[in-house]
Amino acid sequence: MNDIEYQNLPKCPVETTLLFLKDRECIILLGYILLGVLESSELQKMTAMSEKTYQKTLDTLWKNGLITCENGILPTELGESLKPVILAMAEWGEKYKTQQKN
């Protein structure tokens, strides 16, 4: 499933990526899913999201075609394709935190 139609995509490729990732919660939750945290209760605990926010975020990721919930919570091929983006964000964040510590 994918609610985002090709003809409605923004011209800016970064904006297109953000259209799929939507918000902070989607990025964080997809990151944990891509790292292999697939148990729903564990995901909610690790993200520290309320039940309502967690369910809304799962629904957004599903509607955007980034996860499937058929046999557990798994990334789709489209979701997997965002792994380098999420890992680059994590790497940048770690680098920034290290620089601030020094």
PDB file of N, CA and C in Angstrom:
ATOM      1  N   MET A   1       0.848  -1.186   0.000  1.00  0.00           N
ATOM      2  CA  MET A   1       0.000   0.000   0.000  1.00  0.00           C
ATOM      3  C   MET A   1       0.888   1.241   0.000  1.00  0.00           C
ATOM      4  N   ASN A   2       0.447   2.257  -0.714  1.00  0.00           N
ATOM      5  CA  ASN A   2       1.180   3.506  -0.762  1.00  0.00           C
ATOM      6  C   ASN A   2       0.191   4.609  -1.119  1.00  0.00           C
ATOM      7  N   ASP A   3      -0.066   5.491  -0.176  1.00  0.00           N
ATOM      8  CA  ASP A   3      -1.032   6.571  -0.389  1.00  0.00           C
ATOM      9  C   ASP A   3      -0.447   7.750  -1.163  1.00  0.00           C
ATOM     10  N   ILE A   4       0.847   7.738  -1.424  1.00  0.00           N
ATOM     11  CA  ILE A   4       1.493   8.863  -2.094  1.00  0.00           C
ATOM     12  C   ILE A   4       1.555   8.588  -3.598  1.00  0.00           C
ATOM     13  N   GLU A   5       0.956   9.466  -4.377  1.00  0.00           N
ATOM     14  CA  GLU A   5       0.892   9.270  -5.820  1.00  0.00           C
ATOM     15  C   GLU A   5       2.035  10.000  -6.518  1.00  0.00           C
ATOM     16  N   TYR A   6       2.573   9.339  -7.544  1.00  0.00           N
ATOM     17  CA  TYR A   6       3.728   9.869  -8.260  1.00  0.00           C
ATOM     18  C   TYR A   6       3.490  11.277  -8.790  1.00  0.00           C
ATOM     19  N   GLN A   7       2.339  11.531  -9.365  1.00  0.00           N
ATOM     20  CA  GLN A   7       2.073  12.843  -9.967  1.00  0.00           C
ATOM     21  C   GLN A   7       1.992  13.958  -8.934  1.00  0.00           C
ATOM     22  N   ASN A   8       1.838  13.609  -7.644  1.00  0.00           N
ATOM     23  CA  ASN A   8       1.752  14.621  -6.593  1.00  0.00           C
ATOM     24  C   ASN A   8       3.071  14.837  -5.850  1.00  0.00           C
ATOM     25  N   LEU A   9       4.138  14.217  -6.320  1.00  0.00           N
ATOM     26  CA  LEU A   9       5.420  14.364  -5.633  1.00  0.00           C
ATOM     27  C   LEU A   9       6.001  15.758  -5.827  1.00  0.00           C
ATOM     28  N   PRO A  10       6.632  16.301  -4.774  1.00  0.00           N
ATOM     29  CA  PRO A  10       7.269  17.621  -4.899  1.00  0.00           C
ATOM     30  C   PRO A  10       8.459  17.570  -5.857  1.00  0.00           C
ATOM     31  N   LYS A  11       8.858  18.719  -6.355  1.00  0.00           N
ATOM     32  CA  LYS A  11      10.019  18.793  -7.250  1.00  0.00           C
ATOM     33  C   LYS A  11      11.319  18.536  -6.500  1.00  0.00           C
ATOM     34  N   CYS A  12      11.398  18.959  -5.260  1.00  0.00           N
ATOM     35  CA  CYS A  12      12.613  18.806  -4.465  1.00  0.00           C
ATOM     36  C   CYS A  12      12.723  17.370  -3.945  1.00  0.00           C
ATOM     37  N   PRO A  13      13.817  16.652  -4.256  1.00  0.00           N
ATOM     38  CA  PRO A  13      13.955  15.266  -3.814  1.00  0.00           C
ATOM     39  C   PRO A  13      14.018  15.108  -2.285  1.00  0.00           C
ATOM     40  N   VAL A  14      14.559  16.091  -1.592  1.00  0.00           N
ATOM     41  CA  VAL A  14      14.594  16.028  -0.123  1.00  0.00           C
ATOM     42  C   VAL A  14      13.173  16.119   0.417  1.00  0.00           C
ATOM     43  N   GLU A  15      12.383  16.983  -0.175  1.00  0.00           N
ATOM     44  CA  GLU A  15      10.988  17.125   0.235  1.00  0.00           C
ATOM     45  C   GLU A  15      10.206  15.828  -0.040  1.00  0.00           C
ATOM     46  N   THR A  16      10.535  15.155  -1.141  1.00  0.00           N
ATOM     47  CA  THR A  16       9.905  13.868  -1.441  1.00  0.00           C
ATOM     48  C   THR A  16      10.211  12.855  -0.349  1.00  0.00           C
ATOM     49  N   THR A  17      11.467  12.791   0.081  1.00  0.00           N
ATOM     50  CA  THR A  17      11.865  11.876   1.162  1.00  0.00           C
ATOM     51  C   THR A  17      11.099  12.202   2.435  1.00  0.00           C
ATOM     52  N   LEU A  18      11.012  13.487   2.759  1.00  0.00           N
ATOM     53  CA  LEU A  18      10.295  13.898   3.968  1.00  0.00           C
ATOM     54  C   LEU A  18       8.799  13.634   3.870  1.00  0.00           C
ATOM     55  N   LEU A  19       8.271  13.631   2.670  1.00  0.00           N
ATOM     56  CA  LEU A  19       6.862  13.308   2.473  1.00  0.00           C
ATOM     57  C   LEU A  19       6.572  11.884   2.955  1.00  0.00           C
ATOM     58  N   PHE A  20       7.505  10.976   2.700  1.00  0.00           N
ATOM     59  CA  PHE A  20       7.346   9.589   3.143  1.00  0.00           C
ATOM     60  C   PHE A  20       7.616   9.441   4.631  1.00  0.00           C
ATOM     61  N   LEU A  21       8.633  10.139   5.133  1.00  0.00           N
ATOM     62  CA  LEU A  21       9.011   9.986   6.542  1.00  0.00           C
ATOM     63  C   LEU A  21       8.128  10.801   7.475  1.00  0.00           C
ATOM     64  N   LYS A  22       7.458  11.792   6.950  1.00  0.00           N
ATOM     65  CA  LYS A  22       6.427  12.579   7.633  1.00  0.00           C
ATOM     66  C   LYS A  22       6.923  13.416   8.801  1.00  0.00           C
ATOM     67  N   ASP A  23       7.359  12.759   9.896  1.00  0.00           N
ATOM     68  CA  ASP A  23       7.718  13.505  11.101  1.00  0.00           C
ATOM     69  C   ASP A  23       8.760  12.751  11.923  1.00  0.00           C
ATOM     70  N   ARG A  24       9.146  13.359  13.013  1.00  0.00           N
ATOM     71  CA  ARG A  24      10.173  12.821  13.913  1.00  0.00           C
ATOM     72  C   ARG A  24       9.833  11.399  14.363  1.00  0.00           C
ATOM     73  N   GLU A  25       8.574  11.173  14.742  1.00  0.00           N
ATOM     74  CA  GLU A  25       8.159   9.867  15.237  1.00  0.00           C
ATOM     75  C   GLU A  25       8.309   8.789  14.167  1.00  0.00           C
ATOM     76  N   CYS A  26       7.967   9.111  12.925  1.00  0.00           N
ATOM     77  CA  CYS A  26       8.104   8.138  11.834  1.00  0.00           C
ATOM     78  C   CYS A  26       9.563   7.771  11.603  1.00  0.00           C
ATOM     79  N   ILE A  27      10.434   8.754  11.652  1.00  0.00           N
ATOM     80  CA  ILE A  27      11.856   8.501  11.441  1.00  0.00           C
ATOM     81  C   ILE A  27      12.401   7.606  12.551  1.00  0.00           C
ATOM     82  N   ILE A  28      12.064   7.918  13.792  1.00  0.00           N
ATOM     83  CA  ILE A  28      12.556   7.135  14.930  1.00  0.00           C
ATOM     84  C   ILE A  28      12.017   5.704  14.875  1.00  0.00           C
ATOM     85  N   LEU A  29      10.723   5.556  14.657  1.00  0.00           N
ATOM     86  CA  LEU A  29      10.125   4.226  14.641  1.00  0.00           C
ATOM     87  C   LEU A  29      10.661   3.396  13.476  1.00  0.00           C
ATOM     88  N   LEU A  30      10.740   3.977  12.297  1.00  0.00           N
ATOM     89  CA  LEU A  30      11.285   3.245  11.150  1.00  0.00           C
ATOM     90  C   LEU A  30      12.737   2.859  11.405  1.00  0.00           C
ATOM     91  N   GLY A  31      13.491   3.726  12.056  1.00  0.00           N
ATOM     92  CA  GLY A  31      14.880   3.406  12.389  1.00  0.00           C
ATOM     93  C   GLY A  31      14.992   2.153  13.238  1.00  0.00           C
ATOM     94  N   TYR A  32      14.175   2.052  14.270  1.00  0.00           N
ATOM     95  CA  TYR A  32      14.189   0.849  15.114  1.00  0.00           C
ATOM     96  C   TYR A  32      13.751  -0.389  14.333  1.00  0.00           C
ATOM     97  N   ILE A  33      12.755  -0.240  13.481  1.00  0.00           N
ATOM     98  CA  ILE A  33      12.290  -1.370  12.673  1.00  0.00           C
ATOM     99  C   ILE A  33      13.401  -1.831  11.737  1.00  0.00           C
ATOM    100  N   LEU A  34      14.098  -0.887  11.118  1.00  0.00           N
ATOM    101  CA  LEU A  34      15.195  -1.230  10.207  1.00  0.00           C
ATOM    102  C   LEU A  34      16.374  -1.872  10.939  1.00  0.00           C
ATOM    103  N   LEU A  35      16.519  -1.561  12.222  1.00  0.00           N
ATOM    104  CA  LEU A  35      17.588  -2.177  13.020  1.00  0.00           C
ATOM    105  C   LEU A  35      17.193  -3.555  13.546  1.00  0.00           C
ATOM    106  N   GLY A  36      15.961  -3.969  13.258  1.00  0.00           N
ATOM    107  CA  GLY A  36      15.539  -5.313  13.612  1.00  0.00           C
ATOM    108  C   GLY A  36      14.679  -5.430  14.853  1.00  0.00           C
ATOM    109  N   VAL A  37      14.256  -4.316  15.424  1.00  0.00           N
ATOM    110  CA  VAL A  37      13.342  -4.364  16.564  1.00  0.00           C
ATOM    111  C   VAL A  37      11.938  -4.505  15.976  1.00  0.00           C
ATOM    112  N   LEU A  38      11.400  -5.720  16.061  1.00  0.00           N
ATOM    113  CA  LEU A  38      10.165  -5.997  15.349  1.00  0.00           C
ATOM    114  C   LEU A  38       8.991  -6.317  16.266  1.00  0.00           C
ATOM    115  N   GLU A  39       9.229  -6.441  17.531  1.00  0.00           N
ATOM    116  CA  GLU A  39       8.168  -6.738  18.493  1.00  0.00           C
ATOM    117  C   GLU A  39       7.463  -5.443  18.870  1.00  0.00           C
ATOM    118  N   SER A  40       6.146  -5.404  18.688  1.00  0.00           N
ATOM    119  CA  SER A  40       5.382  -4.178  18.882  1.00  0.00           C
ATOM    120  C   SER A  40       5.560  -3.572  20.269  1.00  0.00           C
ATOM    121  N   SER A  41       5.468  -4.381  21.315  1.00  0.00           N
ATOM    122  CA  SER A  41       5.590  -3.839  22.678  1.00  0.00           C
ATOM    123  C   SER A  41       6.994  -3.286  22.932  1.00  0.00           C
ATOM    124  N   GLU A  42       7.997  -3.951  22.361  1.00  0.00           N
ATOM    125  CA  GLU A  42       9.384  -3.486  22.501  1.00  0.00           C
ATOM    126  C   GLU A  42       9.589  -2.173  21.747  1.00  0.00           C
ATOM    127  N   LEU A  43       9.009  -2.081  20.554  1.00  0.00           N
ATOM    128  CA  LEU A  43       9.115  -0.848  19.766  1.00  0.00           C
ATOM    129  C   LEU A  43       8.508   0.330  20.511  1.00  0.00           C
ATOM    130  N   GLN A  44       7.328   0.128  21.060  1.00  0.00           N
ATOM    131  CA  GLN A  44       6.670   1.226  21.762  1.00  0.00           C
ATOM    132  C   GLN A  44       7.478   1.649  22.981  1.00  0.00           C
ATOM    133  N   LYS A  45       8.037   0.671  23.685  1.00  0.00           N
ATOM    134  CA  LYS A  45       8.835   0.986  24.874  1.00  0.00           C
ATOM    135  C   LYS A  45      10.111   1.752  24.489  1.00  0.00           C
ATOM    136  N   MET A  46      10.791   1.312  23.434  1.00  0.00           N
ATOM    137  CA  MET A  46      12.043   1.946  23.022  1.00  0.00           C
ATOM    138  C   MET A  46      11.831   3.364  22.514  1.00  0.00           C
ATOM    139  N   THR A  47      10.701   3.609  21.880  1.00  0.00           N
ATOM    140  CA  THR A  47      10.441   4.944  21.339  1.00  0.00           C
ATOM    141  C   THR A  47       9.827   5.879  22.381  1.00  0.00           C
ATOM    142  N   ALA A  48       9.333   5.312  23.467  1.00  0.00           N
ATOM    143  CA  ALA A  48       8.692   6.078  24.553  1.00  0.00           C
ATOM    144  C   ALA A  48       7.501   6.891  24.043  1.00  0.00           C
ATOM    145  N   MET A  49       6.814   6.356  23.045  1.00  0.00           N
ATOM    146  CA  MET A  49       5.627   7.023  22.503  1.00  0.00           C
ATOM    147  C   MET A  49       4.391   6.580  23.277  1.00  0.00           C
ATOM    148  N   SER A  50       3.424   7.465  23.357  1.00  0.00           N
ATOM    149  CA  SER A  50       2.136   7.068  23.922  1.00  0.00           C
ATOM    150  C   SER A  50       1.496   6.055  22.969  1.00  0.00           C
ATOM    151  N   GLU A  51       0.537   5.308  23.452  1.00  0.00           N
ATOM    152  CA  GLU A  51      -0.154   4.314  22.620  1.00  0.00           C
ATOM    153  C   GLU A  51      -0.777   4.982  21.388  1.00  0.00           C
ATOM    154  N   LYS A  52      -1.394   6.134  21.597  1.00  0.00           N
ATOM    155  CA  LYS A  52      -2.056   6.847  20.501  1.00  0.00           C
ATOM    156  C   LYS A  52      -1.041   7.287  19.440  1.00  0.00           C
ATOM    157  N   THR A  53       0.072   7.875  19.872  1.00  0.00           N
ATOM    158  CA  THR A  53       1.109   8.330  18.939  1.00  0.00           C
ATOM    159  C   THR A  53       1.743   7.151  18.224  1.00  0.00           C
ATOM    160  N   TYR A  54       2.007   6.088  18.967  1.00  0.00           N
ATOM    161  CA  TYR A  54       2.612   4.880  18.394  1.00  0.00           C
ATOM    162  C   TYR A  54       1.719   4.305  17.289  1.00  0.00           C
ATOM    163  N   GLN A  55       0.430   4.153  17.570  1.00  0.00           N
ATOM    164  CA  GLN A  55      -0.498   3.586  16.587  1.00  0.00           C
ATOM    165  C   GLN A  55      -0.643   4.503  15.362  1.00  0.00           C
ATOM    166  N   LYS A  56      -0.692   5.805  15.604  1.00  0.00           N
ATOM    167  CA  LYS A  56      -0.796   6.776  14.505  1.00  0.00           C
ATOM    168  C   LYS A  56       0.456   6.710  13.626  1.00  0.00           C
ATOM    169  N   THR A  57       1.617   6.577  14.250  1.00  0.00           N
ATOM    170  CA  THR A  57       2.883   6.513  13.512  1.00  0.00           C
ATOM    171  C   THR A  57       2.974   5.225  12.707  1.00  0.00           C
ATOM    172  N   LEU A  58       2.588   4.088  13.314  1.00  0.00           N
ATOM    173  CA  LEU A  58       2.563   2.817  12.576  1.00  0.00           C
ATOM    174  C   LEU A  58       1.645   2.935  11.361  1.00  0.00           C
ATOM    175  N   ASP A  59       0.492   3.530  11.557  1.00  0.00           N
ATOM    176  CA  ASP A  59      -0.477   3.695  10.482  1.00  0.00           C
ATOM    177  C   ASP A  59       0.102   4.550   9.353  1.00  0.00           C
ATOM    178  N   THR A  60       0.804   5.618   9.699  1.00  0.00           N
ATOM    179  CA  THR A  60       1.424   6.484   8.690  1.00  0.00           C
ATOM    180  C   THR A  60       2.479   5.721   7.899  1.00  0.00           C
ATOM    181  N   LEU A  61       3.341   4.977   8.597  1.00  0.00           N
ATOM    182  CA  LEU A  61       4.382   4.193   7.916  1.00  0.00           C
ATOM    183  C   LEU A  61       3.753   3.154   6.992  1.00  0.00           C
ATOM    184  N   TRP A  62       2.661   2.536   7.453  1.00  0.00           N
ATOM    185  CA  TRP A  62       1.967   1.533   6.648  1.00  0.00           C
ATOM    186  C   TRP A  62       1.320   2.178   5.421  1.00  0.00           C
ATOM    187  N   LYS A  63       0.608   3.281   5.621  1.00  0.00           N
ATOM    188  CA  LYS A  63      -0.064   3.966   4.502  1.00  0.00           C
ATOM    189  C   LYS A  63       0.933   4.468   3.463  1.00  0.00           C
ATOM    190  N   ASN A  64       2.130   4.831   3.918  1.00  0.00           N
ATOM    191  CA  ASN A  64       3.159   5.324   2.998  1.00  0.00           C
ATOM    192  C   ASN A  64       3.951   4.186   2.356  1.00  0.00           C
ATOM    193  N   GLY A  65       3.580   2.941   2.681  1.00  0.00           N
ATOM    194  CA  GLY A  65       4.215   1.791   2.043  1.00  0.00           C
ATOM    195  C   GLY A  65       5.580   1.440   2.593  1.00  0.00           C
ATOM    196  N   LEU A  66       5.913   1.911   3.797  1.00  0.00           N
ATOM    197  CA  LEU A  66       7.248   1.680   4.354  1.00  0.00           C
ATOM    198  C   LEU A  66       7.327   0.440   5.245  1.00  0.00           C
ATOM    199  N   ILE A  67       6.182  -0.014   5.759  1.00  0.00           N
ATOM    200  CA  ILE A  67       6.154  -1.222   6.586  1.00  0.00           C
ATOM    201  C   ILE A  67       4.950  -2.071   6.199  1.00  0.00           C
ATOM    202  N   THR A  68       5.031  -3.338   6.580  1.00  0.00           N
ATOM    203  CA  THR A  68       3.902  -4.247   6.478  1.00  0.00           C
ATOM    204  C   THR A  68       3.641  -4.789   7.873  1.00  0.00           C
ATOM    205  N   CYS A  69       2.407  -5.078   8.172  1.00  0.00           N
ATOM    206  CA  CYS A  69       2.058  -5.581   9.503  1.00  0.00           C
ATOM    207  C   CYS A  69       1.414  -6.956   9.414  1.00  0.00           C
ATOM    208  N   GLU A  70       1.640  -7.667   8.316  1.00  0.00           N
ATOM    209  CA  GLU A  70       1.005  -8.970   8.104  1.00  0.00           C
ATOM    210  C   GLU A  70       1.557 -10.046   9.033  1.00  0.00           C
ATOM    211  N   ASN A  71       2.832 -10.236   9.062  1.00  0.00           N
ATOM    212  CA  ASN A  71       3.484 -11.242   9.913  1.00  0.00           C
ATOM    213  C   ASN A  71       4.431 -10.545  10.878  1.00  0.00           C
ATOM    214  N   GLY A  72       3.890  -9.680  11.696  1.00  0.00           N
ATOM    215  CA  GLY A  72       4.726  -8.831  12.543  1.00  0.00           C
ATOM    216  C   GLY A  72       4.967  -7.520  11.815  1.00  0.00           C
ATOM    217  N   ILE A  73       5.750  -6.670  12.417  1.00  0.00           N
ATOM    218  CA  ILE A  73       6.049  -5.364  11.823  1.00  0.00           C
ATOM    219  C   ILE A  73       7.376  -5.486  11.081  1.00  0.00           C
ATOM    220  N   LEU A  74       7.305  -5.399   9.770  1.00  0.00           N
ATOM    221  CA  LEU A  74       8.498  -5.562   8.933  1.00  0.00           C
ATOM    222  C   LEU A  74       8.597  -4.420   7.933  1.00  0.00           C
ATOM    223  N   PRO A  75       9.825  -4.018   7.586  1.00  0.00           N
ATOM    224  CA  PRO A  75       9.966  -3.005   6.539  1.00  0.00           C
ATOM    225  C   PRO A  75       9.657  -3.613   5.181  1.00  0.00           C
ATOM    226  N   THR A  76       9.063  -2.825   4.321  1.00  0.00           N
ATOM    227  CA  THR A  76       8.857  -3.244   2.931  1.00  0.00           C
ATOM    228  C   THR A  76      10.148  -2.960   2.169  1.00  0.00           C
ATOM    229  N   GLU A  77      10.153  -3.300   0.905  1.00  0.00           N
ATOM    230  CA  GLU A  77      11.310  -2.980   0.065  1.00  0.00           C
ATOM    231  C   GLU A  77      11.531  -1.462   0.031  1.00  0.00           C
ATOM    232  N   LEU A  78      10.432  -0.719  -0.049  1.00  0.00           N
ATOM    233  CA  LEU A  78      10.525   0.741  -0.037  1.00  0.00           C
ATOM    234  C   LEU A  78      11.090   1.237   1.292  1.00  0.00           C
ATOM    235  N   GLY A  79      10.616   0.652   2.403  1.00  0.00           N
ATOM    236  CA  GLY A  79      11.133   1.011   3.723  1.00  0.00           C
ATOM    237  C   GLY A  79      12.623   0.694   3.844  1.00  0.00           C
ATOM    238  N   GLU A  80      13.014  -0.483   3.370  1.00  0.00           N
ATOM    239  CA  GLU A  80      14.431  -0.883   3.399  1.00  0.00           C
ATOM    240  C   GLU A  80      15.296   0.086   2.603  1.00  0.00           C
ATOM    241  N   SER A  81      14.735   0.639   1.536  1.00  0.00           N
ATOM    242  CA  SER A  81      15.522   1.554   0.697  1.00  0.00           C
ATOM    243  C   SER A  81      15.886   2.840   1.445  1.00  0.00           C
ATOM    244  N   LEU A  82      15.195   3.118   2.557  1.00  0.00           N
ATOM    245  CA  LEU A  82      15.505   4.303   3.364  1.00  0.00           C
ATOM    246  C   LEU A  82      16.572   4.031   4.432  1.00  0.00           C
ATOM    247  N   LYS A  83      17.012   2.795   4.534  1.00  0.00           N
ATOM    248  CA  LYS A  83      18.001   2.442   5.556  1.00  0.00           C
ATOM    249  C   LYS A  83      19.268   3.311   5.482  1.00  0.00           C
ATOM    250  N   PRO A  84      19.849   3.535   4.293  1.00  0.00           N
ATOM    251  CA  PRO A  84      21.035   4.397   4.233  1.00  0.00           C
ATOM    252  C   PRO A  84      20.763   5.816   4.734  1.00  0.00           C
ATOM    253  N   VAL A  85      19.563   6.311   4.496  1.00  0.00           N
ATOM    254  CA  VAL A  85      19.194   7.656   4.945  1.00  0.00           C
ATOM    255  C   VAL A  85      19.138   7.697   6.475  1.00  0.00           C
ATOM    256  N   ILE A  86      18.467   6.714   7.066  1.00  0.00           N
ATOM    257  CA  ILE A  86      18.335   6.644   8.521  1.00  0.00           C
ATOM    258  C   ILE A  86      19.703   6.441   9.167  1.00  0.00           C
ATOM    259  N   LEU A  87      20.518   5.549   8.594  1.00  0.00           N
ATOM    260  CA  LEU A  87      21.864   5.312   9.143  1.00  0.00           C
ATOM    261  C   LEU A  87      22.743   6.552   9.031  1.00  0.00           C
ATOM    262  N   ALA A  88      22.612   7.298   7.934  1.00  0.00           N
ATOM    263  CA  ALA A  88      23.379   8.540   7.787  1.00  0.00           C
ATOM    264  C   ALA A  88      22.958   9.556   8.850  1.00  0.00           C
ATOM    265  N   MET A  89      21.662   9.614   9.143  1.00  0.00           N
ATOM    266  CA  MET A  89      21.185  10.523  10.188  1.00  0.00           C
ATOM    267  C   MET A  89      21.744  10.111  11.552  1.00  0.00           C
ATOM    268  N   ALA A  90      21.756   8.802  11.815  1.00  0.00           N
ATOM    269  CA  ALA A  90      22.288   8.298  13.088  1.00  0.00           C
ATOM    270  C   ALA A  90      23.783   8.602  13.204  1.00  0.00           C
ATOM    271  N   GLU A  91      24.505   8.398  12.122  1.00  0.00           N
ATOM    272  CA  GLU A  91      25.950   8.666  12.114  1.00  0.00           C
ATOM    273  C   GLU A  91      26.224  10.149  12.356  1.00  0.00           C
ATOM    274  N   TRP A  92      25.461  11.004  11.694  1.00  0.00           N
ATOM    275  CA  TRP A  92      25.629  12.446  11.882  1.00  0.00           C
ATOM    276  C   TRP A  92      25.346  12.831  13.334  1.00  0.00           C
ATOM    277  N   GLY A  93      24.273  12.276  13.902  1.00  0.00           N
ATOM    278  CA  GLY A  93      23.914  12.575  15.289  1.00  0.00           C
ATOM    279  C   GLY A  93      24.995  12.146  16.268  1.00  0.00           C
ATOM    280  N   GLU A  94      25.561  10.959  16.055  1.00  0.00           N
ATOM    281  CA  GLU A  94      26.648  10.482  16.924  1.00  0.00           C
ATOM    282  C   GLU A  94      27.877  11.378  16.811  1.00  0.00           C
ATOM    283  N   LYS A  95      28.209  11.758  15.586  1.00  0.00           N
ATOM    284  CA  LYS A  95      29.362  12.623  15.342  1.00  0.00           C
ATOM    285  C   LYS A  95      29.167  13.974  16.032  1.00  0.00           C
ATOM    286  N   TYR A  96      27.971  14.535  15.910  1.00  0.00           N
ATOM    287  CA  TYR A  96      27.675  15.822  16.526  1.00  0.00           C
ATOM    288  C   TYR A  96      27.769  15.721  18.035  1.00  0.00           C
ATOM    289  N   LYS A  97      27.193  14.674  18.622  1.00  0.00           N
ATOM    290  CA  LYS A  97      27.245  14.507  20.082  1.00  0.00           C
ATOM    291  C   LYS A  97      28.683  14.368  20.561  1.00  0.00           C
ATOM    292  N   THR A  98      29.515  13.647  19.815  1.00  0.00           N
ATOM    293  CA  THR A  98      30.923  13.469  20.174  1.00  0.00           C
ATOM    294  C   THR A  98      31.658  14.805  20.119  1.00  0.00           C
ATOM    295  N   GLN A  99      31.407  15.584  19.089  1.00  0.00           N
ATOM    296  CA  GLN A  99      32.054  16.897  18.947  1.00  0.00           C
ATOM    297  C   GLN A  99      31.647  17.827  20.090  1.00  0.00           C
ATOM    298  N   GLN A 100      30.405  17.769  20.507  1.00  0.00           N
ATOM    299  CA  GLN A 100      29.916  18.637  21.589  1.00  0.00           C
ATOM    300  C   GLN A 100      30.502  18.237  22.929  1.00  0.00           C
ATOM    301  N   LYS A 101      30.804  16.974  23.081  1.00  0.00           N
ATOM    302  CA  LYS A 101      31.363  16.471  24.338  1.00  0.00           C
ATOM    303  C   LYS A 101      32.792  16.971  24.538  1.00  0.00           C
ATOM    304  N   ASN A 102      33.513  17.159  23.437  1.00  0.00           N
ATOM    305  CA  ASN A 102      34.929  17.566  23.517  1.00  0.00           C
ATOM    306  C   ASN A 102      35.118  19.032  23.685  1.00  0.00           C
TER     307      ASN A 102
END
